[in-house]
């Protein structure tokens, strides 16, 4: 009840068209967070694979982190300009 209370209040006080606009406005899917989380999870798996090698290559781990961060930044900044 507590999670959806705001929708009940708006539905009770306003007409159906206003509630529809409100409901769509509340449904903002966090696309940047979705891309960020997925990308970082893949990066962490790759880092674990690099760390499992007998000789841990710090340069390879740093290069992977740098590449992932640069790609994420390019996606996020392109997305923000649209």
PDB file of N, CA and C in Angstrom:
ATOM      1  N   UNK A   1       0.817  -1.189   0.000  1.00  0.00           N
ATOM      2  CA  UNK A   1       0.000   0.000   0.000  1.00  0.00           C
ATOM      3  C   UNK A   1       0.863   1.255   0.000  1.00  0.00           C
ATOM      4  N   UNK A   2       1.891   1.248   0.803  1.00  0.00           N
ATOM      5  CA  UNK A   2       2.726   2.437   0.938  1.00  0.00           C
ATOM      6  C   UNK A   2       3.482   2.754  -0.361  1.00  0.00           C
ATOM      7  N   UNK A   3       3.839   1.736  -1.102  1.00  0.00           N
ATOM      8  CA  UNK A   3       4.593   1.938  -2.332  1.00  0.00           C
ATOM      9  C   UNK A   3       3.729   2.597  -3.406  1.00  0.00           C
ATOM     10  N   UNK A   4       2.465   2.221  -3.494  1.00  0.00           N
ATOM     11  CA  UNK A   4       1.572   2.731  -4.546  1.00  0.00           C
ATOM     12  C   UNK A   4       0.610   3.799  -4.060  1.00  0.00           C
ATOM     13  N   UNK A   5       0.786   4.301  -2.869  1.00  0.00           N
ATOM     14  CA  UNK A   5      -0.154   5.272  -2.296  1.00  0.00           C
ATOM     15  C   UNK A   5      -0.289   6.520  -3.161  1.00  0.00           C
ATOM     16  N   UNK A   6       0.809   7.013  -3.688  1.00  0.00           N
ATOM     17  CA  UNK A   6       0.766   8.225  -4.506  1.00  0.00           C
ATOM     18  C   UNK A   6      -0.129   8.038  -5.725  1.00  0.00           C
ATOM     19  N   UNK A   7      -0.139   6.853  -6.317  1.00  0.00           N
ATOM     20  CA  UNK A   7      -0.997   6.606  -7.476  1.00  0.00           C
ATOM     21  C   UNK A   7      -2.466   6.585  -7.082  1.00  0.00           C
ATOM     22  N   UNK A   8      -2.782   6.047  -5.916  1.00  0.00           N
ATOM     23  CA  UNK A   8      -4.169   6.042  -5.453  1.00  0.00           C
ATOM     24  C   UNK A   8      -4.658   7.466  -5.221  1.00  0.00           C
ATOM     25  N   UNK A   9      -3.822   8.311  -4.656  1.00  0.00           N
ATOM     26  CA  UNK A   9      -4.212   9.701  -4.396  1.00  0.00           C
ATOM     27  C   UNK A   9      -4.463  10.441  -5.702  1.00  0.00           C
ATOM     28  N   UNK A  10      -3.568  10.305  -6.655  1.00  0.00           N
ATOM     29  CA  UNK A  10      -3.737  10.990  -7.945  1.00  0.00           C
ATOM     30  C   UNK A  10      -4.954  10.443  -8.683  1.00  0.00           C
ATOM     31  N   UNK A  11      -5.170   9.151  -8.643  1.00  0.00           N
ATOM     32  CA  UNK A  11      -6.325   8.556  -9.323  1.00  0.00           C
ATOM     33  C   UNK A  11      -7.636   9.025  -8.702  1.00  0.00           C
ATOM     34  N   UNK A  12      -7.646   9.234  -7.402  1.00  0.00           N
ATOM     35  CA  UNK A  12      -8.871   9.663  -6.728  1.00  0.00           C
ATOM     36  C   UNK A  12      -9.176  11.143  -6.956  1.00  0.00           C
ATOM     37  N   UNK A  13      -8.172  11.957  -7.166  1.00  0.00           N
ATOM     38  CA  UNK A  13      -8.379  13.405  -7.250  1.00  0.00           C
ATOM     39  C   UNK A  13      -8.451  13.957  -8.670  1.00  0.00           C
ATOM     40  N   UNK A  14      -7.946  13.218  -9.654  1.00  0.00           N
ATOM     41  CA  UNK A  14      -7.885  13.741 -11.014  1.00  0.00           C
ATOM     42  C   UNK A  14      -8.571  12.796 -11.995  1.00  0.00           C
ATOM     43  N   UNK A  15      -8.791  13.299 -13.203  1.00  0.00           N
ATOM     44  CA  UNK A  15      -9.447  12.479 -14.224  1.00  0.00           C
ATOM     45  C   UNK A  15      -8.479  11.439 -14.794  1.00  0.00           C
ATOM     46  N   UNK A  16      -9.017  10.565 -15.642  1.00  0.00           N
ATOM     47  CA  UNK A  16      -8.224   9.449 -16.171  1.00  0.00           C
ATOM     48  C   UNK A  16      -7.052   9.912 -17.030  1.00  0.00           C
ATOM     49  N   UNK A  17      -7.262  10.978 -17.819  1.00  0.00           N
ATOM     50  CA  UNK A  17      -6.180  11.470 -18.682  1.00  0.00           C
ATOM     51  C   UNK A  17      -5.015  12.013 -17.853  1.00  0.00           C
ATOM     52  N   UNK A  18      -5.311  12.734 -16.813  1.00  0.00           N
ATOM     53  CA  UNK A  18      -4.256  13.280 -15.951  1.00  0.00           C
ATOM     54  C   UNK A  18      -3.514  12.155 -15.236  1.00  0.00           C
ATOM     55  N   UNK A  19      -4.268  11.159 -14.779  1.00  0.00           N
ATOM     56  CA  UNK A  19      -3.620  10.027 -14.123  1.00  0.00           C
ATOM     57  C   UNK A  19      -2.724   9.269 -15.095  1.00  0.00           C
ATOM     58  N   UNK A  20      -3.147   9.136 -16.352  1.00  0.00           N
ATOM     59  CA  UNK A  20      -2.332   8.437 -17.349  1.00  0.00           C
ATOM     60  C   UNK A  20      -1.007   9.158 -17.568  1.00  0.00           C
ATOM     61  N   UNK A  21      -1.056  10.483 -17.657  1.00  0.00           N
ATOM     62  CA  UNK A  21       0.178  11.267 -17.821  1.00  0.00           C
ATOM     63  C   UNK A  21       1.073  11.108 -16.599  1.00  0.00           C
ATOM     64  N   UNK A  22       0.466  11.150 -15.424  1.00  0.00           N
ATOM     65  CA  UNK A  22       1.227  10.981 -14.184  1.00  0.00           C
ATOM     66  C   UNK A  22       1.875   9.591 -14.117  1.00  0.00           C
ATOM     67  N   UNK A  23       1.124   8.564 -14.475  1.00  0.00           N
ATOM     68  CA  UNK A  23       1.643   7.195 -14.409  1.00  0.00           C
ATOM     69  C   UNK A  23       2.815   6.997 -15.375  1.00  0.00           C
ATOM     70  N   UNK A  24       2.712   7.564 -16.571  1.00  0.00           N
ATOM     71  CA  UNK A  24       3.810   7.451 -17.536  1.00  0.00           C
ATOM     72  C   UNK A  24       5.018   8.249 -17.047  1.00  0.00           C
ATOM     73  N   UNK A  25       4.780   9.403 -16.458  1.00  0.00           N
ATOM     74  CA  UNK A  25       5.875  10.214 -15.925  1.00  0.00           C
ATOM     75  C   UNK A  25       6.608   9.531 -14.794  1.00  0.00           C
ATOM     76  N   UNK A  26       5.909   8.732 -14.013  1.00  0.00           N
ATOM     77  CA  UNK A  26       6.541   8.008 -12.901  1.00  0.00           C
ATOM     78  C   UNK A  26       7.327   6.803 -13.379  1.00  0.00           C
ATOM     79  N   UNK A  27       7.012   6.316 -14.563  1.00  0.00           N
ATOM     80  CA  UNK A  27       7.684   5.123 -15.089  1.00  0.00           C
ATOM     81  C   UNK A  27       8.898   5.550 -15.907  1.00  0.00           C
ATOM     82  N   UNK A  28       9.889   6.077 -15.255  1.00  0.00           N
ATOM     83  CA  UNK A  28      11.130   6.461 -15.908  1.00  0.00           C
ATOM     84  C   UNK A  28      12.145   5.349 -15.683  1.00  0.00           C
ATOM     85  N   UNK A  29      12.418   4.597 -16.731  1.00  0.00           N
ATOM     86  CA  UNK A  29      13.358   3.486 -16.630  1.00  0.00           C
ATOM     87  C   UNK A  29      14.777   4.051 -16.633  1.00  0.00           C
ATOM     88  N   UNK A  30      15.566   3.737 -15.640  1.00  0.00           N
ATOM     89  CA  UNK A  30      16.924   4.276 -15.556  1.00  0.00           C
ATOM     90  C   UNK A  30      17.866   3.574 -16.545  1.00  0.00           C
ATOM     91  N   UNK A  31      17.845   4.019 -17.787  1.00  0.00           N
ATOM     92  CA  UNK A  31      18.625   3.364 -18.835  1.00  0.00           C
ATOM     93  C   UNK A  31      20.126   3.476 -18.599  1.00  0.00           C
ATOM     94  N   UNK A  32      20.563   4.630 -18.125  1.00  0.00           N
ATOM     95  CA  UNK A  32      22.002   4.795 -17.890  1.00  0.00           C
ATOM     96  C   UNK A  32      22.469   3.834 -16.801  1.00  0.00           C
ATOM     97  N   UNK A  33      21.684   3.684 -15.749  1.00  0.00           N
ATOM     98  CA  UNK A  33      22.046   2.748 -14.693  1.00  0.00           C
ATOM     99  C   UNK A  33      22.052   1.320 -15.214  1.00  0.00           C
ATOM    100  N   UNK A  34      21.124   0.993 -16.092  1.00  0.00           N
ATOM    101  CA  UNK A  34      21.069  -0.345 -16.683  1.00  0.00           C
ATOM    102  C   UNK A  34      22.335  -0.630 -17.487  1.00  0.00           C
ATOM    103  N   UNK A  35      22.751   0.314 -18.316  1.00  0.00           N
ATOM    104  CA  UNK A  35      23.964   0.142 -19.123  1.00  0.00           C
ATOM    105  C   UNK A  35      25.201   0.104 -18.229  1.00  0.00           C
ATOM    106  N   UNK A  36      25.252   1.008 -17.260  1.00  0.00           N
ATOM    107  CA  UNK A  36      26.409   1.086 -16.361  1.00  0.00           C
ATOM    108  C   UNK A  36      26.591  -0.211 -15.573  1.00  0.00           C
ATOM    109  N   UNK A  37      25.512  -0.707 -14.984  1.00  0.00           N
ATOM    110  CA  UNK A  37      25.590  -1.914 -14.161  1.00  0.00           C
ATOM    111  C   UNK A  37      26.007  -3.128 -14.988  1.00  0.00           C
ATOM    112  N   UNK A  38      25.416  -3.278 -16.148  1.00  0.00           N
ATOM    113  CA  UNK A  38      25.761  -4.418 -17.002  1.00  0.00           C
ATOM    114  C   UNK A  38      27.222  -4.374 -17.431  1.00  0.00           C
ATOM    115  N   UNK A  39      27.657  -3.198 -17.844  1.00  0.00           N
ATOM    116  CA  UNK A  39      29.037  -3.044 -18.304  1.00  0.00           C
ATOM    117  C   UNK A  39      30.030  -3.313 -17.178  1.00  0.00           C
ATOM    118  N   UNK A  40      29.747  -2.801 -16.001  1.00  0.00           N
ATOM    119  CA  UNK A  40      30.666  -3.013 -14.876  1.00  0.00           C
ATOM    120  C   UNK A  40      30.695  -4.471 -14.441  1.00  0.00           C
ATOM    121  N   UNK A  41      29.564  -5.154 -14.527  1.00  0.00           N
ATOM    122  CA  UNK A  41      29.557  -6.579 -14.177  1.00  0.00           C
ATOM    123  C   UNK A  41      30.425  -7.390 -15.134  1.00  0.00           C
ATOM    124  N   UNK A  42      30.337  -7.076 -16.414  1.00  0.00           N
ATOM    125  CA  UNK A  42      31.179  -7.772 -17.401  1.00  0.00           C
ATOM    126  C   UNK A  42      32.645  -7.444 -17.161  1.00  0.00           C
ATOM    127  N   UNK A  43      32.943  -6.185 -16.842  1.00  0.00           N
ATOM    128  CA  UNK A  43      34.319  -5.782 -16.588  1.00  0.00           C
ATOM    129  C   UNK A  43      34.880  -6.522 -15.373  1.00  0.00           C
ATOM    130  N   UNK A  44      34.075  -6.686 -14.326  1.00  0.00           N
ATOM    131  CA  UNK A  44      34.556  -7.363 -13.125  1.00  0.00           C
ATOM    132  C   UNK A  44      34.861  -8.841 -13.391  1.00  0.00           C
ATOM    133  N   UNK A  45      34.063  -9.474 -14.235  1.00  0.00           N
ATOM    134  CA  UNK A  45      34.342 -10.869 -14.601  1.00  0.00           C
ATOM    135  C   UNK A  45      35.667 -10.953 -15.349  1.00  0.00           C
ATOM    136  N   UNK A  46      35.867 -10.034 -16.266  1.00  0.00           N
ATOM    137  CA  UNK A  46      37.132 -10.037 -17.033  1.00  0.00           C
ATOM    138  C   UNK A  46      38.318  -9.744 -16.112  1.00  0.00           C
ATOM    139  N   UNK A  47      38.141  -8.839 -15.152  1.00  0.00           N
ATOM    140  CA  UNK A  47      39.218  -8.559 -14.197  1.00  0.00           C
ATOM    141  C   UNK A  47      39.538  -9.780 -13.349  1.00  0.00           C
ATOM    142  N   UNK A  48      38.515 -10.526 -12.967  1.00  0.00           N
ATOM    143  CA  UNK A  48      38.745 -11.750 -12.192  1.00  0.00           C
ATOM    144  C   UNK A  48      39.512 -12.775 -13.017  1.00  0.00           C
ATOM    145  N   UNK A  49      39.203 -12.863 -14.307  1.00  0.00           N
ATOM    146  CA  UNK A  49      39.946 -13.771 -15.177  1.00  0.00           C
ATOM    147  C   UNK A  49      41.403 -13.356 -15.267  1.00  0.00           C
ATOM    148  N   UNK A  50      41.649 -12.049 -15.393  1.00  0.00           N
ATOM    149  CA  UNK A  50      43.035 -11.572 -15.449  1.00  0.00           C
ATOM    150  C   UNK A  50      43.749 -11.807 -14.130  1.00  0.00           C
ATOM    151  N   UNK A  51      43.050 -11.667 -13.013  1.00  0.00           N
ATOM    152  CA  UNK A  51      43.662 -11.876 -11.696  1.00  0.00           C
ATOM    153  C   UNK A  51      43.932 -13.349 -11.423  1.00  0.00           C
ATOM    154  N   UNK A  52      43.205 -14.232 -12.078  1.00  0.00           N
ATOM    155  CA  UNK A  52      43.395 -15.662 -11.864  1.00  0.00           C
ATOM    156  C   UNK A  52      44.649 -16.196 -12.550  1.00  0.00           C
ATOM    157  N   UNK A  53      45.206 -15.425 -13.455  1.00  0.00           N
ATOM    158  CA  UNK A  53      46.439 -15.853 -14.125  1.00  0.00           C
ATOM    159  C   UNK A  53      47.568 -15.942 -13.099  1.00  0.00           C
ATOM    160  N   UNK A  54      48.550 -16.748 -13.413  1.00  0.00           N
ATOM    161  CA  UNK A  54      49.674 -16.909 -12.490  1.00  0.00           C
ATOM    162  C   UNK A  54      50.409 -15.597 -12.276  1.00  0.00           C
ATOM    163  N   UNK A  55      50.582 -14.860 -13.350  1.00  0.00           N
ATOM    164  CA  UNK A  55      51.243 -13.567 -13.262  1.00  0.00           C
ATOM    165  C   UNK A  55      50.169 -12.503 -13.479  1.00  0.00           C
ATOM    166  N   UNK A  56      49.850 -11.794 -12.423  1.00  0.00           N
ATOM    167  CA  UNK A  56      48.823 -10.756 -12.527  1.00  0.00           C
ATOM    168  C   UNK A  56      49.429  -9.572 -13.269  1.00  0.00           C
ATOM    169  N   UNK A  57      48.814  -9.257 -14.391  1.00  0.00           N
ATOM    170  CA  UNK A  57      49.298  -8.139 -15.200  1.00  0.00           C
ATOM    171  C   UNK A  57      48.526  -6.886 -14.817  1.00  0.00           C
ATOM    172  N   UNK A  58      49.127  -6.067 -13.977  1.00  0.00           N
ATOM    173  CA  UNK A  58      48.478  -4.844 -13.516  1.00  0.00           C
ATOM    174  C   UNK A  58      48.163  -3.925 -14.680  1.00  0.00           C
ATOM    175  N   UNK A  59      49.046  -3.881 -15.657  1.00  0.00           N
ATOM    176  CA  UNK A  59      48.812  -3.028 -16.822  1.00  0.00           C
ATOM    177  C   UNK A  59      47.570  -3.469 -17.596  1.00  0.00           C
ATOM    178  N   UNK A  60      47.349  -4.766 -17.699  1.00  0.00           N
ATOM    179  CA  UNK A  60      46.178  -5.272 -18.419  1.00  0.00           C
ATOM    180  C   UNK A  60      44.891  -4.933 -17.670  1.00  0.00           C
ATOM    181  N   UNK A  61      44.931  -5.031 -16.342  1.00  0.00           N
ATOM    182  CA  UNK A  61      43.755  -4.688 -15.540  1.00  0.00           C
ATOM    183  C   UNK A  61      43.459  -3.201 -15.654  1.00  0.00           C
ATOM    184  N   UNK A  62      44.475  -2.380 -15.561  1.00  0.00           N
ATOM    185  CA  UNK A  62      44.282  -0.931 -15.696  1.00  0.00           C
ATOM    186  C   UNK A  62      43.799  -0.551 -17.094  1.00  0.00           C
ATOM    187  N   UNK A  63      44.328  -1.212 -18.106  1.00  0.00           N
ATOM    188  CA  UNK A  63      43.881  -0.942 -19.476  1.00  0.00           C
ATOM    189  C   UNK A  63      42.413  -1.325 -19.656  1.00  0.00           C
ATOM    190  N   UNK A  64      42.025  -2.441 -19.074  1.00  0.00           N
ATOM    191  CA  UNK A  64      40.622  -2.858 -19.140  1.00  0.00           C
ATOM    192  C   UNK A  64      39.722  -1.845 -18.447  1.00  0.00           C
ATOM    193  N   UNK A  65      40.113  -1.408 -17.257  1.00  0.00           N
ATOM    194  CA  UNK A  65      39.328  -0.411 -16.519  1.00  0.00           C
ATOM    195  C   UNK A  65      39.232   0.889 -17.312  1.00  0.00           C
ATOM    196  N   UNK A  66      40.351   1.331 -17.869  1.00  0.00           N
ATOM    197  CA  UNK A  66      40.369   2.571 -18.640  1.00  0.00           C
ATOM    198  C   UNK A  66      39.478   2.455 -19.875  1.00  0.00           C
ATOM    199  N   UNK A  67      39.564   1.351 -20.587  1.00  0.00           N
ATOM    200  CA  UNK A  67      38.754   1.150 -21.783  1.00  0.00           C
ATOM    201  C   UNK A  67      37.261   1.131 -21.441  1.00  0.00           C
ATOM    202  N   UNK A  68      36.894   0.427 -20.377  1.00  0.00           N
ATOM    203  CA  UNK A  68      35.491   0.356 -19.969  1.00  0.00           C
ATOM    204  C   UNK A  68      34.978   1.725 -19.563  1.00  0.00           C
ATOM    205  N   UNK A  69      35.761   2.458 -18.788  1.00  0.00           N
ATOM    206  CA  UNK A  69      35.352   3.788 -18.348  1.00  0.00           C
ATOM    207  C   UNK A  69      35.203   4.741 -19.527  1.00  0.00           C
ATOM    208  N   UNK A  70      36.115   4.682 -20.466  1.00  0.00           N
ATOM    209  CA  UNK A  70      36.034   5.555 -21.641  1.00  0.00           C
ATOM    210  C   UNK A  70      34.798   5.240 -22.490  1.00  0.00           C
ATOM    211  N   UNK A  71      34.511   3.968 -22.655  1.00  0.00           N
ATOM    212  CA  UNK A  71      33.321   3.593 -23.435  1.00  0.00           C
ATOM    213  C   UNK A  71      32.039   4.019 -22.740  1.00  0.00           C
ATOM    214  N   UNK A  72      31.971   3.830 -21.430  1.00  0.00           N
ATOM    215  CA  UNK A  72      30.798   4.270 -20.686  1.00  0.00           C
ATOM    216  C   UNK A  72      30.616   5.780 -20.769  1.00  0.00           C
ATOM    217  N   UNK A  73      31.709   6.512 -20.628  1.00  0.00           N
ATOM    218  CA  UNK A  73      31.631   7.970 -20.713  1.00  0.00           C
ATOM    219  C   UNK A  73      31.140   8.417 -22.084  1.00  0.00           C
ATOM    220  N   UNK A  74      31.615   7.779 -23.140  1.00  0.00           N
ATOM    221  CA  UNK A  74      31.167   8.174 -24.476  1.00  0.00           C
ATOM    222  C   UNK A  74      29.686   7.883 -24.680  1.00  0.00           C
ATOM    223  N   UNK A  75      29.220   6.760 -24.145  1.00  0.00           N
ATOM    224  CA  UNK A  75      27.793   6.438 -24.260  1.00  0.00           C
ATOM    225  C   UNK A  75      26.950   7.426 -23.457  1.00  0.00           C
ATOM    226  N   UNK A  76      27.349   7.695 -22.226  1.00  0.00           N
ATOM    227  CA  UNK A  76      26.562   8.571 -21.358  1.00  0.00           C
ATOM    228  C   UNK A  76      26.525   9.984 -21.915  1.00  0.00           C
ATOM    229  N   UNK A  77      27.666  10.515 -22.373  1.00  0.00           N
ATOM    230  CA  UNK A  77      27.670  11.892 -22.865  1.00  0.00           C
ATOM    231  C   UNK A  77      26.938  12.021 -24.195  1.00  0.00           C
ATOM    232  N   UNK A  78      26.967  11.006 -25.022  1.00  0.00           N
ATOM    233  CA  UNK A  78      26.170  11.036 -26.258  1.00  0.00           C
ATOM    234  C   UNK A  78      24.701  10.997 -25.927  1.00  0.00           C
ATOM    235  N   UNK A  79      24.341  10.194 -24.940  1.00  0.00           N
ATOM    236  CA  UNK A  79      22.949  10.047 -24.534  1.00  0.00           C
ATOM    237  C   UNK A  79      22.413  11.354 -23.978  1.00  0.00           C
ATOM    238  N   UNK A  80      23.203  12.066 -23.225  1.00  0.00           N
ATOM    239  CA  UNK A  80      22.780  13.309 -22.577  1.00  0.00           C
ATOM    240  C   UNK A  80      22.562  14.428 -23.605  1.00  0.00           C
ATOM    241  N   UNK A  81      23.252  14.367 -24.738  1.00  0.00           N
ATOM    242  CA  UNK A  81      23.100  15.416 -25.754  1.00  0.00           C
ATOM    243  C   UNK A  81      21.815  15.273 -26.548  1.00  0.00           C
ATOM    244  N   UNK A  82      21.274  14.056 -26.606  1.00  0.00           N
ATOM    245  CA  UNK A  82      20.055  13.822 -27.402  1.00  0.00           C
ATOM    246  C   UNK A  82      18.841  14.444 -26.771  1.00  0.00           C
TER     247      UNK A  82
END
